[in-house]
């Protein structure tokens, strides 16, 4: 949903975005060809899959100027991600 909205917004505003994947995608055993609006961060391949989302989230906070967050509860991964972004003094937009 967010990716579609961002894609639509690029037609109106001069913005750039990338969807950061936590796992190396596979398509029936074929190598993944990167889609123009996605990326896989360097180093994620050495992270155990159980910790890949947390590692990816911290990587994104370090690399981002803005963080858009949608949280419905004050607990869980999205809430922790948002709190960490705020502690790192990132511009957080909550929707």
Foldseek 3Di string as FASTA:
>chain_A
DVVVVVVVVVVPDVDAAAAEDLDQDDDPNDHDDDDPRYDYDPPSVVDDSVCSVVVSLVVCLVVDQEAEAEDDDCDDDRNVSQVVSVVVVHHYHYD
